[in-house]
Amino acid sequence: REKEEFLLMLPFTPENKNNTIGWLAARCDGENYGKLIAYYFPKERLVYGPSQIENRIGQDTVITEQLALWGRGGSQVIRGNLLVIPLGKSVLYVEPVFLQAEAGGLPELKRVIVVAGEQIAMEPTLGESIAAIFLPEFPSGAEAPPTEVVVIPPALPEPEEPVAAEIANLIEEAQLHYNQALQYLQAGDWAGYGEELEALEAVLDQLAELTAAE
């Protein structure tokens, strides 16, 4: 969609099973108020559900060791809501990680976990995590310790230079929308939060088209 809007979105899992079989979004703005957008995933295709993704994150030794290290250092580790975002013919999962000092205060965004297919990355920003998955050669931020970079097997062909530049621009744009969404969330502005998530989804769709395997 060309225009940003506020959505309420929810993945669906079947009874007594953990995989996702569908995704529903309710549109909440203007003349589209009350309209629904539904994704139905093929029965023959396994799409991980939120609990399965949480388990996969919990089984990643690099991530769990870092979270445990922060916890032992006296900070409270807060894993935010897992966002399930349909992305082209795949699904992207995004989960922020916050640290809160033992003395209290506002939680600080410390890392962003991104899961796409069999690949998992945890970097200081959404853009760096997306780059770690879609552009494995994309440099991480200087503050990110090398031990926290998840080694990802190559799955996509190396893009040509113009395409790589466009992908880098989209990653930067996705990071801006994600940061703005977090600011709205902290301010309790749910309309702004939803609009930024919708804008983020649109950028990720463009990213998926550019990085889709031929």
N, C-alpha and C. Protein backbone atom coordinates (compact mmCIF):
# COMPACT_ATOMS: atom_id res chain seq x y z
N ARG A 1 0.84 -1.20 0.00
CA ARG A 1 0.00 0.00 0.00
C ARG A 1 0.88 1.25 0.00
N GLU A 2 0.40 2.30 -0.68
CA GLU A 2 1.20 3.50 -0.82
C GLU A 2 1.09 4.41 0.39
N LYS A 3 -0.01 4.34 1.12
CA LYS A 3 -0.25 5.24 2.23
C LYS A 3 -0.13 4.49 3.56
N GLU A 4 0.53 5.14 4.54
CA GLU A 4 0.66 4.52 5.85
C GLU A 4 -0.70 4.50 6.55
N GLU A 5 -0.93 3.47 7.35
CA GLU A 5 -2.17 3.39 8.10
C GLU A 5 -1.96 2.54 9.34
N PHE A 6 -2.91 2.64 10.26
CA PHE A 6 -2.85 1.91 11.52
C PHE A 6 -3.53 0.57 11.35
N LEU A 7 -2.82 -0.50 11.73
CA LEU A 7 -3.35 -1.86 11.64
C LEU A 7 -3.24 -2.56 12.99
N LEU A 8 -4.16 -3.45 13.26
CA LEU A 8 -4.04 -4.42 14.35
C LEU A 8 -3.81 -5.77 13.69
N MET A 9 -2.71 -6.44 14.04
CA MET A 9 -2.40 -7.69 13.35
C MET A 9 -2.20 -8.82 14.35
N LEU A 10 -2.56 -10.02 13.89
CA LEU A 10 -2.53 -11.18 14.78
C LEU A 10 -2.31 -12.46 13.97
N PRO A 11 -1.27 -13.26 14.34
CA PRO A 11 -1.10 -14.56 13.69
C PRO A 11 -2.01 -15.60 14.34
N PHE A 12 -2.36 -16.62 13.58
CA PHE A 12 -3.26 -17.66 14.09
C PHE A 12 -2.58 -19.03 14.04
N THR A 13 -2.74 -19.79 15.11
CA THR A 13 -2.24 -21.15 15.18
C THR A 13 -3.41 -22.10 15.44
N PRO A 14 -3.36 -23.33 14.90
CA PRO A 14 -4.47 -24.26 15.14
C PRO A 14 -4.46 -24.78 16.58
N GLU A 15 -5.59 -25.30 17.00
CA GLU A 15 -5.72 -25.82 18.36
C GLU A 15 -4.75 -26.97 18.58
N ASN A 16 -4.03 -26.89 19.70
CA ASN A 16 -3.07 -27.92 20.12
C ASN A 16 -1.87 -28.05 19.19
N LYS A 17 -1.64 -27.04 18.35
CA LYS A 17 -0.46 -27.01 17.50
C LYS A 17 0.17 -25.63 17.60
N ASN A 18 1.46 -25.57 17.21
CA ASN A 18 2.19 -24.32 17.39
C ASN A 18 2.50 -23.58 16.10
N ASN A 19 2.30 -24.23 14.94
CA ASN A 19 2.63 -23.56 13.68
C ASN A 19 1.56 -22.54 13.32
N THR A 20 1.96 -21.57 12.51
CA THR A 20 1.04 -20.53 12.07
C THR A 20 0.32 -20.98 10.80
N ILE A 21 -0.99 -20.84 10.77
CA ILE A 21 -1.76 -21.21 9.58
C ILE A 21 -2.38 -19.99 8.90
N GLY A 22 -2.34 -18.85 9.58
CA GLY A 22 -2.93 -17.66 8.98
C GLY A 22 -2.50 -16.41 9.72
N TRP A 23 -2.80 -15.28 9.12
CA TRP A 23 -2.44 -13.97 9.68
C TRP A 23 -3.56 -13.00 9.32
N LEU A 24 -4.01 -12.26 10.31
CA LEU A 24 -5.13 -11.36 10.09
C LEU A 24 -4.77 -9.95 10.55
N ALA A 25 -5.12 -8.98 9.73
CA ALA A 25 -4.91 -7.58 10.10
C ALA A 25 -6.23 -6.83 9.95
N ALA A 26 -6.53 -6.00 10.93
CA ALA A 26 -7.74 -5.17 10.88
C ALA A 26 -7.32 -3.74 10.59
N ARG A 27 -7.88 -3.16 9.53
CA ARG A 27 -7.57 -1.79 9.16
C ARG A 27 -8.42 -0.84 10.00
N CYS A 28 -7.82 0.25 10.43
CA CYS A 28 -8.48 1.10 11.43
C CYS A 28 -8.60 2.56 11.04
N ASP A 29 -8.25 2.90 9.81
CA ASP A 29 -8.23 4.31 9.42
C ASP A 29 -9.31 4.64 8.37
N GLY A 30 -9.98 5.75 8.59
CA GLY A 30 -10.86 6.35 7.58
C GLY A 30 -11.86 5.40 6.97
N GLU A 31 -11.96 5.45 5.64
CA GLU A 31 -12.95 4.65 4.93
C GLU A 31 -12.63 3.15 4.97
N ASN A 32 -11.40 2.81 5.37
CA ASN A 32 -11.02 1.40 5.46
C ASN A 32 -11.28 0.82 6.84
N TYR A 33 -11.83 1.62 7.75
CA TYR A 33 -12.07 1.17 9.12
C TYR A 33 -12.92 -0.11 9.12
N GLY A 34 -12.43 -1.12 9.81
CA GLY A 34 -13.17 -2.37 9.93
C GLY A 34 -12.89 -3.39 8.84
N LYS A 35 -12.17 -3.00 7.80
CA LYS A 35 -11.83 -3.96 6.75
C LYS A 35 -10.71 -4.87 7.22
N LEU A 36 -10.75 -6.12 6.77
CA LEU A 36 -9.79 -7.12 7.21
C LEU A 36 -8.90 -7.56 6.06
N ILE A 37 -7.65 -7.85 6.41
CA ILE A 37 -6.69 -8.41 5.46
C ILE A 37 -6.26 -9.76 6.02
N ALA A 38 -6.43 -10.81 5.23
CA ALA A 38 -6.12 -12.16 5.73
C ALA A 38 -5.11 -12.85 4.82
N TYR A 39 -4.15 -13.52 5.45
CA TYR A 39 -3.21 -14.38 4.76
C TYR A 39 -3.49 -15.81 5.20
N TYR A 40 -3.65 -16.71 4.23
CA TYR A 40 -3.82 -18.13 4.54
C TYR A 40 -2.59 -18.86 4.02
N PHE A 41 -1.88 -19.54 4.91
CA PHE A 41 -0.67 -20.24 4.51
C PHE A 41 -1.01 -21.66 4.04
N PRO A 42 -0.35 -22.14 2.99
CA PRO A 42 -0.65 -23.48 2.46
C PRO A 42 -0.45 -24.57 3.51
N LYS A 43 -1.33 -25.56 3.49
CA LYS A 43 -1.25 -26.64 4.48
C LYS A 43 0.04 -27.44 4.32
N GLU A 44 0.53 -27.54 3.09
CA GLU A 44 1.74 -28.34 2.86
C GLU A 44 3.02 -27.59 3.25
N ARG A 45 2.88 -26.35 3.66
CA ARG A 45 4.06 -25.55 4.02
C ARG A 45 4.05 -25.24 5.51
N LEU A 46 5.17 -25.52 6.16
CA LEU A 46 5.28 -25.24 7.60
C LEU A 46 5.71 -23.80 7.81
N VAL A 47 4.88 -23.04 8.49
CA VAL A 47 5.20 -21.67 8.87
C VAL A 47 5.27 -21.64 10.39
N TYR A 48 6.42 -21.28 10.92
CA TYR A 48 6.61 -21.29 12.37
C TYR A 48 5.64 -20.33 13.07
N GLY A 49 5.13 -20.77 14.20
CA GLY A 49 4.30 -19.93 15.03
C GLY A 49 5.15 -19.15 16.03
N PRO A 50 4.55 -18.16 16.71
CA PRO A 50 5.32 -17.35 17.66
C PRO A 50 6.06 -18.17 18.72
N SER A 51 5.40 -19.18 19.30
CA SER A 51 6.06 -19.97 20.34
C SER A 51 7.24 -20.76 19.78
N GLN A 52 7.12 -21.23 18.53
CA GLN A 52 8.23 -21.96 17.92
C GLN A 52 9.41 -21.05 17.66
N ILE A 53 9.13 -19.81 17.25
CA ILE A 53 10.22 -18.85 17.04
C ILE A 53 10.88 -18.50 18.36
N GLU A 54 10.08 -18.32 19.41
CA GLU A 54 10.66 -18.04 20.73
C GLU A 54 11.56 -19.18 21.17
N ASN A 55 11.13 -20.42 20.89
CA ASN A 55 11.95 -21.58 21.25
C ASN A 55 13.24 -21.60 20.44
N ARG A 56 13.16 -21.26 19.16
CA ARG A 56 14.37 -21.23 18.34
C ARG A 56 15.34 -20.17 18.83
N ILE A 57 14.81 -19.02 19.21
CA ILE A 57 15.67 -17.98 19.77
C ILE A 57 16.32 -18.47 21.06
N GLY A 58 15.52 -19.16 21.89
CA GLY A 58 16.05 -19.68 23.15
C GLY A 58 17.07 -20.77 22.98
N GLN A 59 17.11 -21.42 21.82
CA GLN A 59 18.08 -22.48 21.55
C GLN A 59 19.35 -21.96 20.88
N ASP A 60 19.36 -20.69 20.52
CA ASP A 60 20.54 -20.11 19.90
C ASP A 60 21.55 -19.76 20.99
N THR A 61 22.67 -20.43 21.00
CA THR A 61 23.62 -20.28 22.10
C THR A 61 24.23 -18.88 22.16
N VAL A 62 24.47 -18.26 20.99
CA VAL A 62 25.05 -16.92 20.98
C VAL A 62 24.11 -15.93 21.65
N ILE A 63 22.83 -16.03 21.31
CA ILE A 63 21.84 -15.10 21.88
C ILE A 63 21.63 -15.37 23.35
N THR A 64 21.42 -16.63 23.73
CA THR A 64 21.12 -16.95 25.13
C THR A 64 22.30 -16.62 26.04
N GLU A 65 23.52 -16.84 25.56
CA GLU A 65 24.69 -16.52 26.39
C GLU A 65 24.79 -15.02 26.63
N GLN A 66 24.50 -14.23 25.59
CA GLN A 66 24.57 -12.77 25.76
C GLN A 66 23.48 -12.28 26.70
N LEU A 67 22.25 -12.82 26.57
CA LEU A 67 21.17 -12.42 27.45
C LEU A 67 21.48 -12.79 28.90
N ALA A 68 22.07 -13.97 29.09
CA ALA A 68 22.43 -14.40 30.43
C ALA A 68 23.54 -13.52 31.01
N LEU A 69 24.48 -13.11 30.17
CA LEU A 69 25.56 -12.23 30.62
C LEU A 69 25.02 -10.90 31.11
N TRP A 70 24.08 -10.32 30.37
CA TRP A 70 23.47 -9.06 30.80
C TRP A 70 22.71 -9.25 32.12
N GLY A 71 22.01 -10.39 32.24
CA GLY A 71 21.26 -10.67 33.46
C GLY A 71 22.16 -10.79 34.67
N ARG A 72 23.31 -11.44 34.48
CA ARG A 72 24.25 -11.59 35.61
C ARG A 72 24.90 -10.26 35.97
N GLY A 73 24.88 -9.32 35.02
CA GLY A 73 25.49 -8.02 35.28
C GLY A 73 24.60 -7.09 36.07
N GLY A 74 23.43 -7.56 36.46
CA GLY A 74 22.55 -6.76 37.30
C GLY A 74 21.43 -6.05 36.56
N SER A 75 21.38 -6.22 35.23
CA SER A 75 20.31 -5.61 34.45
C SER A 75 19.18 -6.60 34.24
N GLN A 76 17.99 -6.08 34.10
CA GLN A 76 16.84 -6.92 33.78
C GLN A 76 16.68 -6.97 32.26
N VAL A 77 16.69 -8.16 31.72
CA VAL A 77 16.53 -8.34 30.28
C VAL A 77 15.04 -8.48 29.97
N ILE A 78 14.55 -7.61 29.10
CA ILE A 78 13.13 -7.62 28.72
C ILE A 78 13.04 -7.91 27.23
N ARG A 79 12.43 -9.03 26.89
CA ARG A 79 12.20 -9.36 25.48
C ARG A 79 10.82 -8.84 25.09
N GLY A 80 10.79 -7.96 24.11
CA GLY A 80 9.54 -7.33 23.72
C GLY A 80 8.63 -8.24 22.94
N ASN A 81 7.51 -7.70 22.47
CA ASN A 81 6.55 -8.48 21.70
C ASN A 81 7.15 -8.93 20.38
N LEU A 82 6.90 -10.18 20.04
CA LEU A 82 7.36 -10.72 18.77
C LEU A 82 6.40 -10.28 17.66
N LEU A 83 6.93 -9.59 16.67
CA LEU A 83 6.13 -9.15 15.53
C LEU A 83 6.23 -10.19 14.42
N VAL A 84 5.10 -10.63 13.92
CA VAL A 84 5.03 -11.57 12.80
C VAL A 84 4.59 -10.79 11.58
N ILE A 85 5.48 -10.68 10.58
CA ILE A 85 5.22 -9.81 9.43
C ILE A 85 5.32 -10.61 8.15
N PRO A 86 4.19 -10.82 7.44
CA PRO A 86 4.26 -11.47 6.12
C PRO A 86 5.15 -10.64 5.19
N LEU A 87 6.04 -11.33 4.51
CA LEU A 87 7.03 -10.64 3.68
C LEU A 87 7.16 -11.38 2.36
N GLY A 88 6.44 -10.89 1.35
CA GLY A 88 6.46 -11.59 0.07
C GLY A 88 5.87 -12.98 0.25
N LYS A 89 6.66 -13.99 -0.10
CA LYS A 89 6.23 -15.38 0.05
C LYS A 89 6.79 -16.01 1.32
N SER A 90 7.33 -15.20 2.21
CA SER A 90 7.89 -15.70 3.45
C SER A 90 7.34 -14.88 4.62
N VAL A 91 7.86 -15.14 5.79
CA VAL A 91 7.43 -14.43 7.00
C VAL A 91 8.67 -13.96 7.74
N LEU A 92 8.65 -12.72 8.20
CA LEU A 92 9.74 -12.15 8.98
C LEU A 92 9.28 -11.99 10.42
N TYR A 93 10.15 -12.37 11.35
CA TYR A 93 9.85 -12.25 12.78
C TYR A 93 10.83 -11.25 13.39
N VAL A 94 10.31 -10.30 14.14
CA VAL A 94 11.15 -9.26 14.74
C VAL A 94 10.84 -9.16 16.23
N GLU A 95 11.89 -9.19 17.05
CA GLU A 95 11.69 -9.08 18.50
C GLU A 95 12.75 -8.15 19.11
N PRO A 96 12.33 -7.05 19.73
CA PRO A 96 13.30 -6.16 20.38
C PRO A 96 13.72 -6.71 21.74
N VAL A 97 14.92 -6.39 22.14
CA VAL A 97 15.44 -6.78 23.45
C VAL A 97 15.83 -5.51 24.20
N PHE A 98 15.26 -5.32 25.39
CA PHE A 98 15.53 -4.13 26.19
C PHE A 98 16.30 -4.52 27.45
N LEU A 99 17.07 -3.57 27.94
CA LEU A 99 17.74 -3.72 29.24
C LEU A 99 17.24 -2.62 30.17
N GLN A 100 16.92 -3.02 31.39
CA GLN A 100 16.50 -2.06 32.40
C GLN A 100 17.43 -2.17 33.59
N ALA A 101 17.98 -1.04 34.02
CA ALA A 101 18.91 -1.04 35.14
C ALA A 101 18.22 -1.53 36.41
N GLU A 102 19.01 -2.12 37.29
CA GLU A 102 18.46 -2.67 38.53
C GLU A 102 17.80 -1.58 39.37
N ALA A 103 18.31 -0.35 39.23
CA ALA A 103 17.77 0.76 40.00
C ALA A 103 16.48 1.31 39.41
N GLY A 104 16.07 0.77 38.25
CA GLY A 104 14.84 1.24 37.61
C GLY A 104 15.13 2.14 36.44
N GLY A 105 14.18 2.95 36.07
CA GLY A 105 14.33 3.82 34.91
C GLY A 105 13.72 3.19 33.68
N LEU A 106 13.75 3.92 32.58
CA LEU A 106 13.18 3.43 31.35
C LEU A 106 14.05 2.34 30.73
N PRO A 107 13.43 1.28 30.20
CA PRO A 107 14.21 0.25 29.50
C PRO A 107 14.89 0.85 28.28
N GLU A 108 16.08 0.36 28.00
CA GLU A 108 16.85 0.82 26.83
C GLU A 108 16.90 -0.28 25.78
N LEU A 109 16.58 0.09 24.53
CA LEU A 109 16.67 -0.89 23.45
C LEU A 109 18.14 -1.26 23.25
N LYS A 110 18.43 -2.55 23.40
CA LYS A 110 19.82 -3.01 23.34
C LYS A 110 20.12 -3.80 22.07
N ARG A 111 19.20 -4.66 21.69
CA ARG A 111 19.38 -5.48 20.49
C ARG A 111 18.03 -5.70 19.82
N VAL A 112 18.08 -6.10 18.55
CA VAL A 112 16.87 -6.47 17.81
C VAL A 112 17.14 -7.84 17.18
N ILE A 113 16.29 -8.79 17.50
CA ILE A 113 16.41 -10.14 16.94
C ILE A 113 15.52 -10.23 15.71
N VAL A 114 16.08 -10.75 14.63
CA VAL A 114 15.31 -10.97 13.39
C VAL A 114 15.47 -12.42 12.98
N VAL A 115 14.35 -13.04 12.65
CA VAL A 115 14.36 -14.42 12.17
C VAL A 115 13.69 -14.45 10.81
N ALA A 116 14.37 -15.06 9.83
CA ALA A 116 13.83 -15.22 8.49
C ALA A 116 14.23 -16.60 7.99
N GLY A 117 13.24 -17.46 7.77
CA GLY A 117 13.56 -18.82 7.38
C GLY A 117 14.34 -19.53 8.47
N GLU A 118 15.49 -20.08 8.10
CA GLU A 118 16.34 -20.76 9.08
C GLU A 118 17.41 -19.85 9.65
N GLN A 119 17.37 -18.59 9.31
CA GLN A 119 18.41 -17.65 9.70
C GLN A 119 17.97 -16.79 10.88
N ILE A 120 18.88 -16.59 11.81
CA ILE A 120 18.62 -15.76 12.99
C ILE A 120 19.77 -14.77 13.15
N ALA A 121 19.45 -13.54 13.45
CA ALA A 121 20.48 -12.53 13.70
C ALA A 121 20.06 -11.67 14.88
N MET A 122 21.01 -11.26 15.68
CA MET A 122 20.78 -10.32 16.77
C MET A 122 21.85 -9.25 16.72
N GLU A 123 21.44 -8.04 16.38
CA GLU A 123 22.36 -6.93 16.24
C GLU A 123 21.83 -5.72 17.01
N PRO A 124 22.63 -4.66 17.14
CA PRO A 124 22.18 -3.48 17.90
C PRO A 124 20.96 -2.78 17.31
N THR A 125 20.76 -2.89 16.00
CA THR A 125 19.63 -2.20 15.37
C THR A 125 18.89 -3.16 14.44
N LEU A 126 17.67 -2.79 14.11
CA LEU A 126 16.89 -3.58 13.15
C LEU A 126 17.60 -3.64 11.81
N GLY A 127 18.12 -2.49 11.36
CA GLY A 127 18.80 -2.45 10.07
C GLY A 127 19.97 -3.41 10.00
N GLU A 128 20.77 -3.47 11.07
CA GLU A 128 21.93 -4.35 11.07
C GLU A 128 21.50 -5.82 11.11
N SER A 129 20.42 -6.13 11.82
CA SER A 129 19.95 -7.52 11.86
C SER A 129 19.41 -7.94 10.50
N ILE A 130 18.66 -7.04 9.84
CA ILE A 130 18.17 -7.35 8.50
C ILE A 130 19.34 -7.52 7.54
N ALA A 131 20.34 -6.65 7.66
CA ALA A 131 21.50 -6.74 6.78
C ALA A 131 22.26 -8.04 7.01
N ALA A 132 22.35 -8.48 8.27
CA ALA A 132 23.05 -9.72 8.57
C ALA A 132 22.40 -10.92 7.90
N ILE A 133 21.09 -10.83 7.66
CA ILE A 133 20.37 -11.92 7.01
C ILE A 133 20.37 -11.77 5.49
N PHE A 134 20.02 -10.58 5.00
CA PHE A 134 19.87 -10.39 3.57
C PHE A 134 21.17 -9.99 2.88
N LEU A 135 22.09 -9.38 3.61
CA LEU A 135 23.39 -9.00 3.07
C LEU A 135 24.47 -9.45 4.05
N PRO A 136 24.85 -10.72 4.02
CA PRO A 136 25.81 -11.23 5.00
C PRO A 136 27.13 -10.47 5.05
N GLU A 137 27.51 -9.82 3.93
CA GLU A 137 28.78 -9.08 3.91
C GLU A 137 28.63 -7.64 4.38
N PHE A 138 27.37 -7.23 4.70
CA PHE A 138 27.13 -5.86 5.16
C PHE A 138 27.80 -5.65 6.51
N PRO A 139 28.62 -4.59 6.69
CA PRO A 139 29.35 -4.41 7.95
C PRO A 139 28.43 -4.11 9.12
N SER A 140 28.72 -4.71 10.27
CA SER A 140 27.96 -4.44 11.48
C SER A 140 28.46 -3.14 12.12
N GLY A 141 27.66 -2.59 13.04
CA GLY A 141 28.05 -1.38 13.73
C GLY A 141 29.28 -1.61 14.58
N ALA A 142 30.05 -0.57 14.77
CA ALA A 142 31.30 -0.73 15.50
C ALA A 142 31.09 -1.20 16.92
N GLU A 143 29.92 -0.87 17.52
CA GLU A 143 29.69 -1.23 18.90
C GLU A 143 29.28 -2.67 19.07
N ALA A 144 28.98 -3.37 17.98
CA ALA A 144 28.53 -4.76 18.09
C ALA A 144 29.72 -5.69 18.20
N PRO A 145 29.87 -6.44 19.30
CA PRO A 145 30.98 -7.35 19.45
C PRO A 145 30.91 -8.46 18.41
N PRO A 146 32.06 -8.88 17.84
CA PRO A 146 32.05 -9.91 16.80
C PRO A 146 31.41 -11.20 17.27
N THR A 147 31.51 -11.53 18.57
CA THR A 147 30.97 -12.79 19.06
C THR A 147 29.46 -12.81 19.03
N GLU A 148 28.81 -11.66 18.82
CA GLU A 148 27.36 -11.63 18.82
C GLU A 148 26.78 -11.71 17.42
N VAL A 149 27.63 -11.82 16.41
CA VAL A 149 27.13 -11.94 15.05
C VAL A 149 26.84 -13.39 14.77
N VAL A 150 25.63 -13.70 14.43
CA VAL A 150 25.24 -15.08 14.14
C VAL A 150 25.77 -15.44 12.76
N VAL A 151 26.51 -16.55 12.68
CA VAL A 151 27.02 -17.00 11.40
C VAL A 151 25.87 -17.59 10.59
N ILE A 152 25.64 -17.04 9.42
CA ILE A 152 24.49 -17.43 8.61
C ILE A 152 24.97 -18.07 7.31
N PRO A 153 24.53 -19.28 7.01
CA PRO A 153 24.94 -19.91 5.76
C PRO A 153 24.41 -19.14 4.57
N PRO A 154 25.19 -19.02 3.50
CA PRO A 154 24.72 -18.26 2.34
C PRO A 154 23.50 -18.91 1.72
N ALA A 155 22.47 -18.12 1.49
CA ALA A 155 21.24 -18.65 0.91
C ALA A 155 20.82 -17.87 -0.33
N LEU A 156 21.34 -16.65 -0.45
CA LEU A 156 20.93 -15.79 -1.56
C LEU A 156 22.14 -15.45 -2.43
N PRO A 157 21.95 -15.30 -3.73
CA PRO A 157 23.06 -14.89 -4.60
C PRO A 157 23.51 -13.48 -4.26
N GLU A 158 24.81 -13.25 -4.42
CA GLU A 158 25.34 -11.92 -4.12
C GLU A 158 24.78 -10.90 -5.08
N PRO A 159 24.14 -9.82 -4.59
CA PRO A 159 23.51 -8.86 -5.48
C PRO A 159 24.52 -8.02 -6.23
N GLU A 160 24.09 -7.50 -7.40
CA GLU A 160 24.92 -6.57 -8.14
C GLU A 160 25.01 -5.26 -7.35
N GLU A 161 26.01 -4.44 -7.69
CA GLU A 161 26.27 -3.22 -6.93
C GLU A 161 25.06 -2.29 -6.84
N PRO A 162 24.36 -1.97 -7.97
CA PRO A 162 23.20 -1.07 -7.85
C PRO A 162 22.11 -1.65 -6.95
N VAL A 163 21.91 -2.96 -7.05
CA VAL A 163 20.90 -3.61 -6.21
C VAL A 163 21.34 -3.56 -4.74
N ALA A 164 22.62 -3.80 -4.50
CA ALA A 164 23.13 -3.76 -3.13
C ALA A 164 22.94 -2.38 -2.51
N ALA A 165 23.17 -1.34 -3.32
CA ALA A 165 22.98 0.02 -2.82
C ALA A 165 21.52 0.28 -2.48
N GLU A 166 20.61 -0.23 -3.33
CA GLU A 166 19.18 -0.04 -3.07
C GLU A 166 18.75 -0.80 -1.82
N ILE A 167 19.30 -2.00 -1.65
CA ILE A 167 18.99 -2.78 -0.45
C ILE A 167 19.46 -2.05 0.80
N ALA A 168 20.67 -1.48 0.73
CA ALA A 168 21.20 -0.74 1.87
C ALA A 168 20.30 0.45 2.21
N ASN A 169 19.79 1.12 1.19
CA ASN A 169 18.88 2.26 1.43
C ASN A 169 17.58 1.80 2.08
N LEU A 170 17.06 0.64 1.63
CA LEU A 170 15.83 0.12 2.22
C LEU A 170 16.05 -0.29 3.67
N ILE A 171 17.21 -0.87 3.95
CA ILE A 171 17.53 -1.25 5.33
C ILE A 171 17.56 -0.02 6.22
N GLU A 172 18.17 1.06 5.72
CA GLU A 172 18.22 2.31 6.49
C GLU A 172 16.82 2.86 6.72
N GLU A 173 15.97 2.79 5.68
CA GLU A 173 14.60 3.28 5.81
C GLU A 173 13.81 2.44 6.81
N ALA A 174 14.02 1.11 6.77
CA ALA A 174 13.34 0.23 7.73
C ALA A 174 13.75 0.57 9.15
N GLN A 175 15.03 0.88 9.35
CA GLN A 175 15.50 1.23 10.68
C GLN A 175 14.83 2.51 11.18
N LEU A 176 14.66 3.49 10.31
CA LEU A 176 14.02 4.75 10.70
C LEU A 176 12.58 4.51 11.15
N HIS A 177 11.84 3.70 10.38
CA HIS A 177 10.45 3.41 10.75
C HIS A 177 10.38 2.64 12.06
N TYR A 178 11.31 1.72 12.26
CA TYR A 178 11.31 0.92 13.49
C TYR A 178 11.61 1.80 14.70
N ASN A 179 12.59 2.67 14.58
CA ASN A 179 12.92 3.58 15.68
C ASN A 179 11.75 4.49 16.03
N GLN A 180 11.06 4.99 14.99
CA GLN A 180 9.92 5.87 15.22
C GLN A 180 8.79 5.10 15.88
N ALA A 181 8.59 3.84 15.48
CA ALA A 181 7.55 3.01 16.09
C ALA A 181 7.81 2.82 17.58
N LEU A 182 9.07 2.61 17.95
CA LEU A 182 9.40 2.43 19.37
C LEU A 182 9.14 3.71 20.15
N GLN A 183 9.42 4.85 19.55
CA GLN A 183 9.16 6.13 20.22
C GLN A 183 7.67 6.31 20.46
N TYR A 184 6.86 5.97 19.45
CA TYR A 184 5.41 6.05 19.62
C TYR A 184 4.93 5.08 20.70
N LEU A 185 5.53 3.90 20.73
CA LEU A 185 5.13 2.89 21.73
C LEU A 185 5.41 3.39 23.14
N GLN A 186 6.58 3.97 23.35
CA GLN A 186 6.93 4.48 24.67
C GLN A 186 6.02 5.65 25.07
N ALA A 187 5.56 6.41 24.07
CA ALA A 187 4.69 7.55 24.35
C ALA A 187 3.23 7.16 24.48
N GLY A 188 2.93 5.88 24.20
CA GLY A 188 1.55 5.42 24.27
C GLY A 188 0.71 5.87 23.09
N ASP A 189 1.37 6.26 22.00
CA ASP A 189 0.66 6.69 20.79
C ASP A 189 0.46 5.47 19.89
N TRP A 190 -0.64 4.76 20.08
CA TRP A 190 -0.86 3.51 19.37
C TRP A 190 -1.14 3.74 17.89
N ALA A 191 -1.76 4.85 17.55
CA ALA A 191 -2.01 5.14 16.14
C ALA A 191 -0.69 5.33 15.39
N GLY A 192 0.18 6.15 15.98
CA GLY A 192 1.49 6.36 15.36
C GLY A 192 2.30 5.08 15.29
N TYR A 193 2.21 4.27 16.35
CA TYR A 193 2.92 2.99 16.39
C TYR A 193 2.46 2.09 15.24
N GLY A 194 1.15 2.00 15.06
CA GLY A 194 0.62 1.16 14.00
C GLY A 194 1.00 1.65 12.61
N GLU A 195 0.99 2.96 12.43
CA GLU A 195 1.35 3.54 11.14
C GLU A 195 2.81 3.22 10.79
N GLU A 196 3.69 3.31 11.77
CA GLU A 196 5.10 3.04 11.51
C GLU A 196 5.33 1.55 11.23
N LEU A 197 4.59 0.67 11.90
CA LEU A 197 4.71 -0.76 11.61
C LEU A 197 4.24 -1.07 10.19
N GLU A 198 3.17 -0.39 9.78
CA GLU A 198 2.67 -0.58 8.42
C GLU A 198 3.70 -0.09 7.41
N ALA A 199 4.32 1.04 7.68
CA ALA A 199 5.36 1.57 6.79
C ALA A 199 6.55 0.62 6.76
N LEU A 200 6.89 0.05 7.93
CA LEU A 200 7.99 -0.91 8.01
C LEU A 200 7.69 -2.14 7.15
N GLU A 201 6.46 -2.62 7.21
CA GLU A 201 6.08 -3.79 6.43
C GLU A 201 6.22 -3.51 4.93
N ALA A 202 5.83 -2.31 4.50
CA ALA A 202 5.94 -1.94 3.08
C ALA A 202 7.40 -1.94 2.63
N VAL A 203 8.28 -1.42 3.46
CA VAL A 203 9.70 -1.40 3.12
C VAL A 203 10.25 -2.82 3.07
N LEU A 204 9.85 -3.66 4.02
CA LEU A 204 10.33 -5.04 4.03
C LEU A 204 9.84 -5.82 2.82
N ASP A 205 8.64 -5.51 2.35
CA ASP A 205 8.13 -6.14 1.13
C ASP A 205 9.03 -5.80 -0.06
N GLN A 206 9.43 -4.54 -0.14
CA GLN A 206 10.34 -4.13 -1.22
C GLN A 206 11.67 -4.86 -1.10
N LEU A 207 12.14 -5.00 0.13
CA LEU A 207 13.41 -5.68 0.38
C LEU A 207 13.32 -7.14 -0.04
N ALA A 208 12.18 -7.77 0.25
CA ALA A 208 11.99 -9.18 -0.12
C ALA A 208 12.02 -9.35 -1.64
N GLU A 209 11.42 -8.42 -2.37
CA GLU A 209 11.40 -8.51 -3.83
C GLU A 209 12.82 -8.41 -4.40
N LEU A 210 13.64 -7.55 -3.81
CA LEU A 210 15.00 -7.36 -4.32
C LEU A 210 15.90 -8.54 -4.01
N THR A 211 15.66 -9.19 -2.86
CA THR A 211 16.56 -10.25 -2.42
C THR A 211 16.03 -11.64 -2.71
N ALA A 212 14.86 -11.72 -3.38
CA ALA A 212 14.27 -13.04 -3.67
C ALA A 212 15.21 -13.81 -4.60
N ALA A 213 15.38 -15.07 -4.27
CA ALA A 213 16.23 -15.91 -5.11
C ALA A 213 15.58 -16.12 -6.46
N GLU A 214 16.37 -16.07 -7.51
CA GLU A 214 15.83 -16.26 -8.86
C GLU A 214 15.60 -17.74 -9.13
